[in-house]
Protein backbone atom coordinates (compact mmCIF):
# COMPACT_ATOMS: atom_id res chain seq x y z
CA MET A 1 14.48 -4.02 6.52
CA ARG A 2 17.01 -2.91 3.89
CA GLN A 3 14.20 -1.56 1.69
CA LEU A 4 12.73 0.33 4.63
CA ILE A 5 16.10 1.92 5.42
CA ARG A 6 16.47 3.06 1.82
CA LEU A 7 12.99 4.60 1.88
CA VAL A 8 13.82 6.40 5.12
CA ARG A 9 16.91 7.92 3.49
CA TYR A 10 14.67 9.60 0.95
CA ALA A 11 12.77 11.20 3.83
CA LEU A 12 15.86 12.78 5.42
CA PRO A 13 15.81 15.98 3.26
CA TYR A 14 12.31 16.63 4.65
CA TRP A 15 13.19 16.01 8.28
CA TRP A 16 11.86 19.31 9.59
CA GLN A 17 8.41 18.81 8.03
CA ILE A 18 8.30 15.32 9.52
CA ALA A 19 9.50 16.51 12.94
CA CYS A 20 6.91 19.30 13.04
CA SER A 21 4.14 16.97 11.94
CA VAL A 22 5.11 14.45 14.64
CA MET A 23 4.90 17.13 17.34
CA LEU A 24 1.59 18.43 16.02
CA MET A 25 0.11 14.92 15.77
CA ALA A 26 1.24 14.28 19.36
CA LEU A 27 -0.79 17.32 20.41
CA VAL A 28 -3.73 16.05 18.36
CA GLY A 29 -3.58 12.74 20.22
CA ALA A 30 -3.36 14.46 23.61
CA LEU A 31 -6.35 16.71 22.84
CA ASP A 32 -8.31 13.75 21.52
CA ALA A 33 -7.71 11.90 24.79
CA PHE A 34 -8.54 15.02 26.84
CA LYS A 35 -12.23 14.82 25.98
CA PHE A 36 -12.47 11.45 27.73
CA LEU A 37 -11.26 13.10 30.92
CA LEU A 38 -14.21 15.49 30.65
CA ILE A 39 -16.69 12.61 30.83
CA ARG A 40 -15.99 12.15 34.54
CA PRO A 41 -16.99 15.72 35.60
CA ILE A 42 -20.02 15.58 33.29
CA PHE A 43 -21.43 12.57 35.16
CA ASP A 44 -20.11 13.35 38.64
CA ARG A 45 -20.59 17.16 38.72
CA VAL A 46 -22.65 18.56 35.83
CA LEU A 47 -25.38 15.93 36.09
CA ASN A 48 -25.01 15.75 39.88
CA PRO A 49 -24.74 19.39 41.05
CA SER A 50 -25.35 18.45 44.68
CA THR A 51 -21.74 17.30 45.01
CA GLY A 52 -20.06 19.28 47.77
CA SER A 53 -16.63 20.27 46.40
CA LYS A 54 -16.32 23.16 43.95
CA GLU A 55 -13.07 21.84 42.47
CA ILE A 56 -13.48 19.58 39.45
CA GLN A 57 -10.85 16.86 39.52
CA LEU A 58 -9.91 15.34 36.18
CA PHE A 59 -7.39 12.71 37.24
CA VAL A 60 -4.56 11.91 39.63
CA ILE A 61 -1.00 11.52 38.35
CA PRO A 62 -0.07 7.88 39.15
CA VAL A 63 3.50 8.33 40.45
CA THR A 64 3.23 11.62 42.36
CA HIS A 65 -0.47 11.18 43.27
CA HIS A 66 -0.89 14.86 42.46
CA PRO A 67 -4.49 15.74 41.44
CA VAL A 68 -5.15 17.76 38.26
CA PHE A 69 -8.22 20.01 38.33
CA LEU A 70 -10.19 21.46 35.43
CA GLN A 71 -9.88 24.94 36.96
CA GLN A 72 -6.16 24.85 36.14
CA LEU A 73 -6.90 24.58 32.41
CA VAL A 74 -9.67 27.14 31.87
CA PRO A 75 -9.81 30.92 32.55
CA SER A 76 -10.55 31.77 36.16
CA ARG A 77 -13.63 33.85 35.28
CA PHE A 78 -15.54 30.65 34.54
CA THR A 79 -16.86 29.16 37.78
CA ASN A 80 -19.92 27.15 36.76
CA ALA A 81 -19.16 23.43 36.28
CA TRP A 82 -21.12 23.14 33.02
CA THR A 83 -19.52 26.30 31.59
CA MET A 84 -16.01 25.10 32.40
CA VAL A 85 -16.63 21.71 30.80
CA ALA A 86 -18.18 23.32 27.70
CA VAL A 87 -15.31 25.81 27.29
CA ALA A 88 -12.72 23.06 27.72
CA LEU A 89 -14.49 20.80 25.21
CA VAL A 90 -14.92 23.48 22.52
CA GLY A 91 -11.43 24.92 22.99
CA SER A 92 -9.69 21.53 22.82
CA THR A 93 -11.68 20.59 19.70
CA VAL A 94 -10.73 23.82 17.88
CA LEU A 95 -7.05 23.42 18.76
CA LYS A 96 -7.15 19.78 17.68
CA GLY A 97 -8.56 20.78 14.28
CA VAL A 98 -5.81 23.37 13.71
CA PHE A 99 -3.03 20.98 14.73
CA ASP A 100 -4.53 18.14 12.70
CA TYR A 101 -4.75 20.23 9.51
CA THR A 102 -1.20 21.58 9.82
CA GLY A 103 0.32 18.22 10.74
CA THR A 104 -1.47 16.43 7.90
CA TYR A 105 -0.29 19.03 5.38
CA LEU A 106 3.34 18.82 6.53
CA VAL A 107 3.56 15.03 6.52
CA ASN A 108 1.99 14.87 3.06
CA HIS A 109 4.47 17.51 1.88
CA ALA A 110 7.31 15.29 3.07
CA GLY A 111 5.72 12.15 1.63
CA PHE A 112 5.09 13.59 -1.84
CA GLY A 113 8.54 15.19 -1.85
CA MET A 114 10.38 11.96 -1.10
CA ILE A 115 8.30 10.06 -3.67
CA THR A 116 9.12 12.69 -6.31
CA ASP A 117 12.82 12.20 -5.57
CA LEU A 118 12.42 8.42 -5.71
CA ARG A 119 10.58 8.58 -9.03
CA ASP A 120 13.26 10.87 -10.49
CA ASP A 121 16.04 8.51 -9.39
CA LEU A 122 14.22 5.47 -10.79
CA TYR A 123 13.65 7.13 -14.16
CA ASN A 124 17.27 8.28 -14.26
CA ALA A 125 18.50 4.76 -13.47
CA ILE A 126 16.29 3.15 -16.13
CA LEU A 127 17.09 5.69 -18.83
CA ARG A 128 20.84 5.23 -18.36
CA ARG A 129 20.72 1.45 -18.74
CA SER A 130 22.16 -0.20 -21.84
CA ALA A 131 20.15 -1.50 -24.80
CA ALA A 132 20.49 -5.03 -23.40
CA PHE A 133 18.50 -3.97 -20.31
CA PHE A 134 15.54 -2.92 -22.44
CA SER A 135 15.69 -6.17 -24.40
CA LYS A 136 15.43 -8.16 -21.15
CA HIS A 137 12.61 -6.14 -19.54
CA THR A 138 9.33 -5.42 -21.28
CA THR A 139 7.92 -1.91 -21.55
CA GLY A 140 4.91 -2.87 -19.42
CA THR A 141 7.16 -4.05 -16.58
CA LEU A 142 9.12 -0.80 -16.59
CA LEU A 143 5.96 1.33 -16.77
CA SER A 144 4.47 -0.64 -13.89
CA ALA A 145 7.51 0.08 -11.73
CA ILE A 146 7.55 3.82 -12.55
CA ILE A 147 3.78 4.32 -12.20
CA ASN A 148 2.06 1.55 -10.21
CA ASP A 149 4.83 0.59 -7.77
CA ILE A 150 5.66 4.23 -7.09
CA GLU A 151 1.95 4.91 -6.54
CA ARG A 152 1.79 2.18 -3.89
CA VAL A 153 4.74 3.65 -2.04
CA GLN A 154 3.36 7.19 -2.42
CA TYR A 155 0.01 6.25 -0.85
CA ALA A 156 1.75 4.65 2.13
CA MET A 157 4.26 7.47 2.64
CA SER A 158 1.75 10.33 2.41
CA THR A 159 -1.92 9.58 3.12
CA VAL A 160 -1.40 6.47 5.26
CA LEU A 161 1.56 7.93 7.15
CA ALA A 162 -0.43 11.04 8.10
CA GLU A 163 -3.30 9.00 9.48
CA PHE A 164 -0.90 6.57 11.14
CA LEU A 165 0.81 9.37 13.10
CA GLN A 166 -2.53 10.73 14.26
CA GLN A 167 -3.86 7.33 15.32
CA PHE A 168 -0.55 6.36 16.95
CA PHE A 169 -0.43 9.38 19.24
CA THR A 170 -4.16 9.13 19.89
CA PHE A 171 -3.61 5.53 20.96
CA LEU A 172 -0.77 6.49 23.33
CA SER A 173 -2.72 9.36 24.88
CA VAL A 174 -5.96 7.42 25.29
CA ALA A 175 -4.01 4.45 26.67
CA ALA A 176 -2.54 6.79 29.29
CA VAL A 177 -6.07 7.95 30.16
CA VAL A 178 -7.21 4.34 30.45
CA VAL A 179 -4.35 3.55 32.85
CA VAL A 180 -4.94 6.70 34.93
CA LEU A 181 -8.69 6.12 35.24
CA GLY A 182 -8.78 2.35 35.40
CA GLY A 183 -5.70 1.59 37.47
CA LYS A 184 -5.15 -2.16 37.79
CA LEU A 185 -8.24 -2.82 35.69
CA ALA A 186 -6.46 -1.41 32.63
CA TRP A 187 -3.71 -4.05 32.73
CA VAL A 188 -6.22 -6.68 31.57
CA LEU A 189 -5.78 -5.25 28.07
CA LEU A 190 -2.12 -6.30 28.03
CA LEU A 191 -3.22 -9.93 27.75
CA PHE A 192 -4.22 -9.32 24.14
CA VAL A 193 -1.03 -7.56 22.99
CA PRO A 194 1.05 -10.70 22.11
CA VAL A 195 -1.83 -12.21 20.12
CA ILE A 196 -2.44 -9.00 18.19
CA VAL A 197 1.26 -8.48 17.37
CA TYR A 198 1.73 -12.08 16.22
CA SER A 199 -1.38 -12.09 14.00
CA SER A 200 -0.43 -8.71 12.47
CA ARG A 201 3.04 -9.97 11.54
CA LYS A 202 1.68 -13.12 9.89
CA ILE A 203 -0.97 -11.20 7.96
CA GLY A 204 1.52 -8.48 6.92
CA SER A 205 3.94 -11.03 5.48
CA ARG A 206 1.16 -12.59 3.43
CA VAL A 207 -0.04 -9.18 2.21
CA ARG A 208 3.45 -8.23 1.00
CA THR A 209 3.74 -11.42 -1.06
CA THR A 210 0.29 -11.19 -2.65
CA THR A 211 0.76 -7.48 -3.44
CA ARG A 212 3.97 -8.18 -5.35
CA GLN A 213 2.19 -10.88 -7.35
CA GLY A 214 -0.65 -8.49 -8.19
CA GLN A 215 1.78 -5.80 -9.34
CA ASP A 216 3.54 -8.31 -11.61
CA LYS A 217 0.22 -9.34 -13.19
CA LEU A 218 -0.68 -5.68 -13.71
CA ALA A 219 2.67 -5.15 -15.45
CA GLU A 220 1.79 -8.04 -17.77
CA ILE A 221 -1.46 -6.32 -18.77
CA GLN A 222 0.31 -3.02 -19.37
CA ASN A 223 2.83 -4.78 -21.57
CA ILE A 224 0.06 -6.33 -23.70
CA LEU A 225 -1.66 -2.95 -23.99
CA HIS A 226 1.58 -1.27 -25.08
CA GLU A 227 2.27 -3.93 -27.72
CA THR A 228 -1.22 -4.01 -29.20
CA ILE A 229 -1.89 -0.24 -29.17
CA THR A 230 1.48 0.89 -30.53
CA GLY A 231 1.55 -2.05 -32.96
CA ASN A 232 -2.11 -1.86 -33.97
CA ARG A 233 -1.26 -1.78 -37.68
CA ILE A 234 0.61 -5.07 -37.39
CA VAL A 235 -2.29 -6.61 -35.45
CA LYS A 236 -4.73 -5.59 -38.17
CA ALA A 237 -2.41 -6.55 -41.00
CA PHE A 238 -2.06 -10.12 -39.71
CA ASN A 239 -5.70 -10.32 -38.53
CA THR A 240 -4.69 -11.35 -34.98
CA GLU A 241 -7.39 -9.41 -33.10
CA LYS A 242 -8.99 -12.56 -31.66
CA TRP A 243 -5.63 -13.92 -30.49
CA GLU A 244 -4.70 -10.62 -28.83
CA ILE A 245 -8.12 -10.40 -27.15
CA SER A 246 -7.67 -13.94 -25.82
CA ARG A 247 -4.19 -13.09 -24.56
CA PHE A 248 -5.48 -9.97 -22.80
CA ARG A 249 -8.38 -11.85 -21.18
CA GLY A 250 -5.97 -14.48 -19.86
CA ALA A 251 -3.76 -11.80 -18.30
CA ALA A 252 -6.82 -10.03 -16.84
CA ARG A 253 -8.00 -13.29 -15.31
CA ARG A 254 -4.59 -13.87 -13.71
CA LEU A 255 -4.69 -10.32 -12.28
CA PHE A 256 -8.19 -11.01 -10.96
CA ARG A 257 -7.00 -14.10 -9.08
CA ALA A 258 -3.94 -12.27 -7.71
CA ASN A 259 -6.11 -9.40 -6.45
CA LEU A 260 -8.48 -11.84 -4.75
CA ARG A 261 -5.55 -13.46 -2.93
CA SER A 262 -4.46 -10.00 -1.77
CA VAL A 263 -7.96 -9.15 -0.55
CA ALA A 264 -8.24 -12.50 1.25
CA ALA A 265 -5.02 -11.72 3.13
CA THR A 266 -5.97 -8.10 3.91
CA ALA A 267 -9.63 -8.54 4.87
CA ILE A 268 -8.99 -10.97 7.73
CA SER A 269 -7.27 -8.37 9.91
CA SER A 270 -10.38 -6.24 10.59
CA PRO A 271 -12.69 -9.02 11.88
CA LEU A 272 -9.80 -10.44 13.90
CA MET A 273 -9.36 -7.09 15.68
CA ASP A 274 -13.14 -6.97 16.22
CA ILE A 275 -13.08 -10.30 18.05
CA PHE A 276 -10.16 -9.32 20.29
CA GLY A 277 -11.74 -5.94 21.06
CA VAL A 278 -15.14 -7.33 22.03
CA ILE A 279 -13.61 -9.99 24.27
CA GLY A 280 -11.48 -7.37 26.09
CA ILE A 281 -14.40 -4.97 26.59
CA ALA A 282 -16.64 -7.78 27.86
CA LEU A 283 -14.03 -8.68 30.49
CA LEU A 284 -13.66 -5.05 31.58
CA LEU A 285 -17.43 -4.54 31.88
CA ASN A 286 -17.70 -7.57 34.13
CA LEU A 287 -14.75 -6.56 36.34
CA GLY A 288 -15.65 -2.86 36.41
CA ARG A 289 -19.20 -3.53 37.53
CA GLU A 290 -17.87 -5.08 40.71
CA GLN A 291 -15.63 -2.07 41.42
CA VAL A 292 -18.54 0.36 41.03
CA LYS A 293 -20.70 -1.82 43.27
CA HIS A 294 -18.06 -1.76 46.04
CA GLY A 295 -17.44 2.00 45.69
CA GLU A 296 -13.93 1.67 44.29
CA MET A 297 -15.02 3.66 41.21
CA THR A 298 -17.59 6.41 40.74
CA PRO A 299 -20.06 6.01 37.86
CA GLY A 300 -18.41 8.96 36.11
CA ILE A 301 -14.94 7.38 36.28
CA PHE A 302 -16.26 4.04 35.08
CA VAL A 303 -18.14 5.55 32.13
CA ALA A 304 -15.06 7.59 31.15
CA PHE A 305 -12.87 4.50 31.48
CA ILE A 306 -15.10 2.28 29.33
CA THR A 307 -15.55 5.04 26.73
CA ALA A 308 -11.78 5.46 26.49
CA VAL A 309 -11.37 1.68 26.13
CA PHE A 310 -13.95 1.68 23.32
CA SER A 311 -12.01 4.47 21.57
CA LEU A 312 -8.80 2.42 21.77
CA TYR A 313 -10.44 -0.13 19.53
CA ASN A 314 -10.45 2.20 16.50
CA PRO A 315 -6.65 2.86 16.43
CA VAL A 316 -5.87 -0.83 17.07
CA ARG A 317 -8.14 -1.81 14.21
CA LYS A 318 -6.56 0.77 11.92
CA PHE A 319 -3.05 -0.31 12.90
CA ALA A 320 -3.73 -3.64 11.18
CA GLN A 321 -4.77 -1.76 8.03
CA PHE A 322 -1.75 0.53 8.26
CA ASN A 323 0.51 -2.51 8.55
CA ASN A 324 -1.07 -3.97 5.41
CA ASN A 325 -0.52 -0.69 3.52
CA PHE A 326 3.11 -0.45 4.61
CA GLN A 327 3.71 -4.09 3.65
CA GLN A 328 2.23 -3.37 0.21
CA ALA A 329 4.59 -0.41 -0.11
CA LEU A 330 7.59 -2.58 0.84
CA GLY A 331 6.52 -5.19 -1.69
CA ALA A 332 6.30 -2.51 -4.38
CA SER A 333 9.62 -0.93 -3.38
CA SER A 334 11.44 -4.24 -3.89
CA GLU A 335 10.82 -3.96 -7.64
CA ILE A 336 11.77 -0.27 -7.67
CA PHE A 337 15.12 -0.84 -5.97
CA LYS A 338 15.77 -3.91 -8.11
CA PHE A 339 15.75 -1.77 -11.24
CA MET A 340 17.80 0.94 -9.54
CA ASP A 341 20.48 -1.56 -8.49
CA ILE A 342 20.85 -3.36 -11.83
CA GLU A 343 24.29 -2.97 -13.38
CA ASP A 344 24.90 -3.09 -17.12
CA ASP A 345 26.63 -6.14 -18.58
CA VAL A 346 29.09 -3.82 -20.29
CA ARG A 347 30.45 -1.38 -17.71
CA GLU A 348 32.98 1.41 -17.85
CA LYS A 349 36.46 0.21 -17.01
CA PRO A 350 37.82 1.80 -13.82
CA ARG A 351 40.29 4.60 -14.58
CA ALA A 352 39.70 4.18 -18.31
CA ALA A 353 41.55 6.53 -20.63
CA ARG A 354 39.50 9.48 -21.86
CA LEU A 355 39.16 9.48 -25.64
CA PRO A 356 40.23 12.62 -27.49
CA ALA A 357 37.71 14.63 -29.47
CA PHE A 358 36.76 13.22 -32.90
CA SER A 359 39.03 14.67 -35.61
CA LYS A 360 39.81 12.21 -38.45
CA THR A 361 38.04 8.85 -38.80
CA VAL A 362 35.76 6.33 -37.10
CA GLN A 363 36.84 2.76 -37.82
CA PHE A 364 35.28 -0.65 -37.06
CA ASP A 365 37.92 -3.40 -37.23
CA HIS A 366 36.40 -6.93 -37.26
CA VAL A 367 33.61 -5.92 -34.83
CA SER A 368 30.98 -8.40 -33.64
CA PHE A 369 28.16 -7.72 -31.16
CA ALA A 370 25.27 -9.69 -29.65
CA TYR A 371 22.50 -9.21 -27.05
CA GLY A 372 22.92 -12.14 -24.66
CA ASP A 373 24.27 -15.59 -25.46
CA GLY A 374 21.53 -17.04 -27.69
CA ALA A 375 22.10 -18.21 -31.23
CA ASP A 376 19.78 -15.51 -32.59
CA ALA A 377 21.17 -12.76 -30.37
CA GLY A 378 23.89 -11.70 -32.82
CA VAL A 379 23.55 -8.24 -34.32
CA LEU A 380 26.94 -7.47 -35.89
CA HIS A 381 29.22 -10.15 -37.41
CA ASP A 382 32.83 -9.32 -38.29
CA ILE A 383 32.17 -5.75 -39.45
CA ASN A 384 34.94 -3.72 -41.07
CA LEU A 385 34.07 -0.08 -41.67
CA LYS A 386 35.90 3.22 -41.99
CA VAL A 387 34.17 6.61 -42.10
CA CYS A 388 36.15 9.83 -42.49
CA ARG A 389 35.28 13.16 -40.95
CA GLY A 390 32.74 15.05 -43.05
CA GLU A 391 31.73 11.92 -44.96
CA VAL A 392 28.04 10.86 -45.07
CA MET A 393 27.27 7.12 -45.12
CA ALA A 394 23.92 5.27 -45.08
CA ILE A 395 23.65 1.63 -43.89
CA VAL A 396 20.57 -0.18 -45.23
CA GLY A 397 19.43 -3.58 -43.95
CA SER A 398 17.26 -6.23 -45.60
CA SER A 399 14.07 -4.54 -44.38
CA GLY A 400 14.96 -1.29 -46.15
């Protein structure tokens, strides 16, 4: 939860793009659900023109029991049932396309913007760390955090977030249509909600763990690549090509196994949603048939209801995938924030005195320094040195 809150803070500067995209995606969901309301007049009026009433009822508001007619939504000059349905269908589809494009652009603008800020902050935090930090963490690990982990978060906060908003509002709007058309029959679907939520949480937790393991194995490969490519002369000089190839193959095999564990955790969500969806639809078909037989539902209402229920399956199925993507992003962000929160072993003393500008000499008086606590970590041992201003001095070690 703490990682999620920190990611949300990066989105705050782009609040207006996010707010606009949310409103536009809500309209996309409403227009997507609207076409299911048109199925009823197609079956009950367009294909059955002998129906007496000229008014085309779309649905009845549950609480007020106020009917909503298609004539209220299309220009009054259209009077033919088929023309009104066609105009409503084409007009809603065009508006949906415009809202979808604009909303997707805005949410991606916010997602890429926040990821750019996060990447800048991560690079700034790493670059300002002490030399001891770079001796503890390999180059491959740092590159993996800046490139691969950021890429995971970027995918979730831009592409996945845009589709999630669209599917979320589509789900709410279509669910409202299902309740309005199906009445008590729609509440059968609530039986599956606890099972779906519980399974999604268990799968998401597993996905987050396996994703972090895969990112760590990828960092290991990047570290080997950095060492062997930048140090290729040393590899050739000591004739260690076979050893380096063996080391790389071992790391690649470990990455392969980690990726398979991640796929095994991710892939189970889709067939699980398939099973739940088919069971729910089978129950509704059996119960709805009886209502049509006893005249409680017209064929048009029943077809619209079942079609809307079928369309609910797609968002529910995608929600499991979205959850997996967001869990992968949280797993990647844990490594990002770990590097951002690291404090140097040697820190500035609070309210330390500011040194004056250099004017005379720089002097080392019995100075010793080491990286860590190991026996071989020592770098300087009891150094005494004095360099005057304007003097040039070269210090040469055993390697030249």
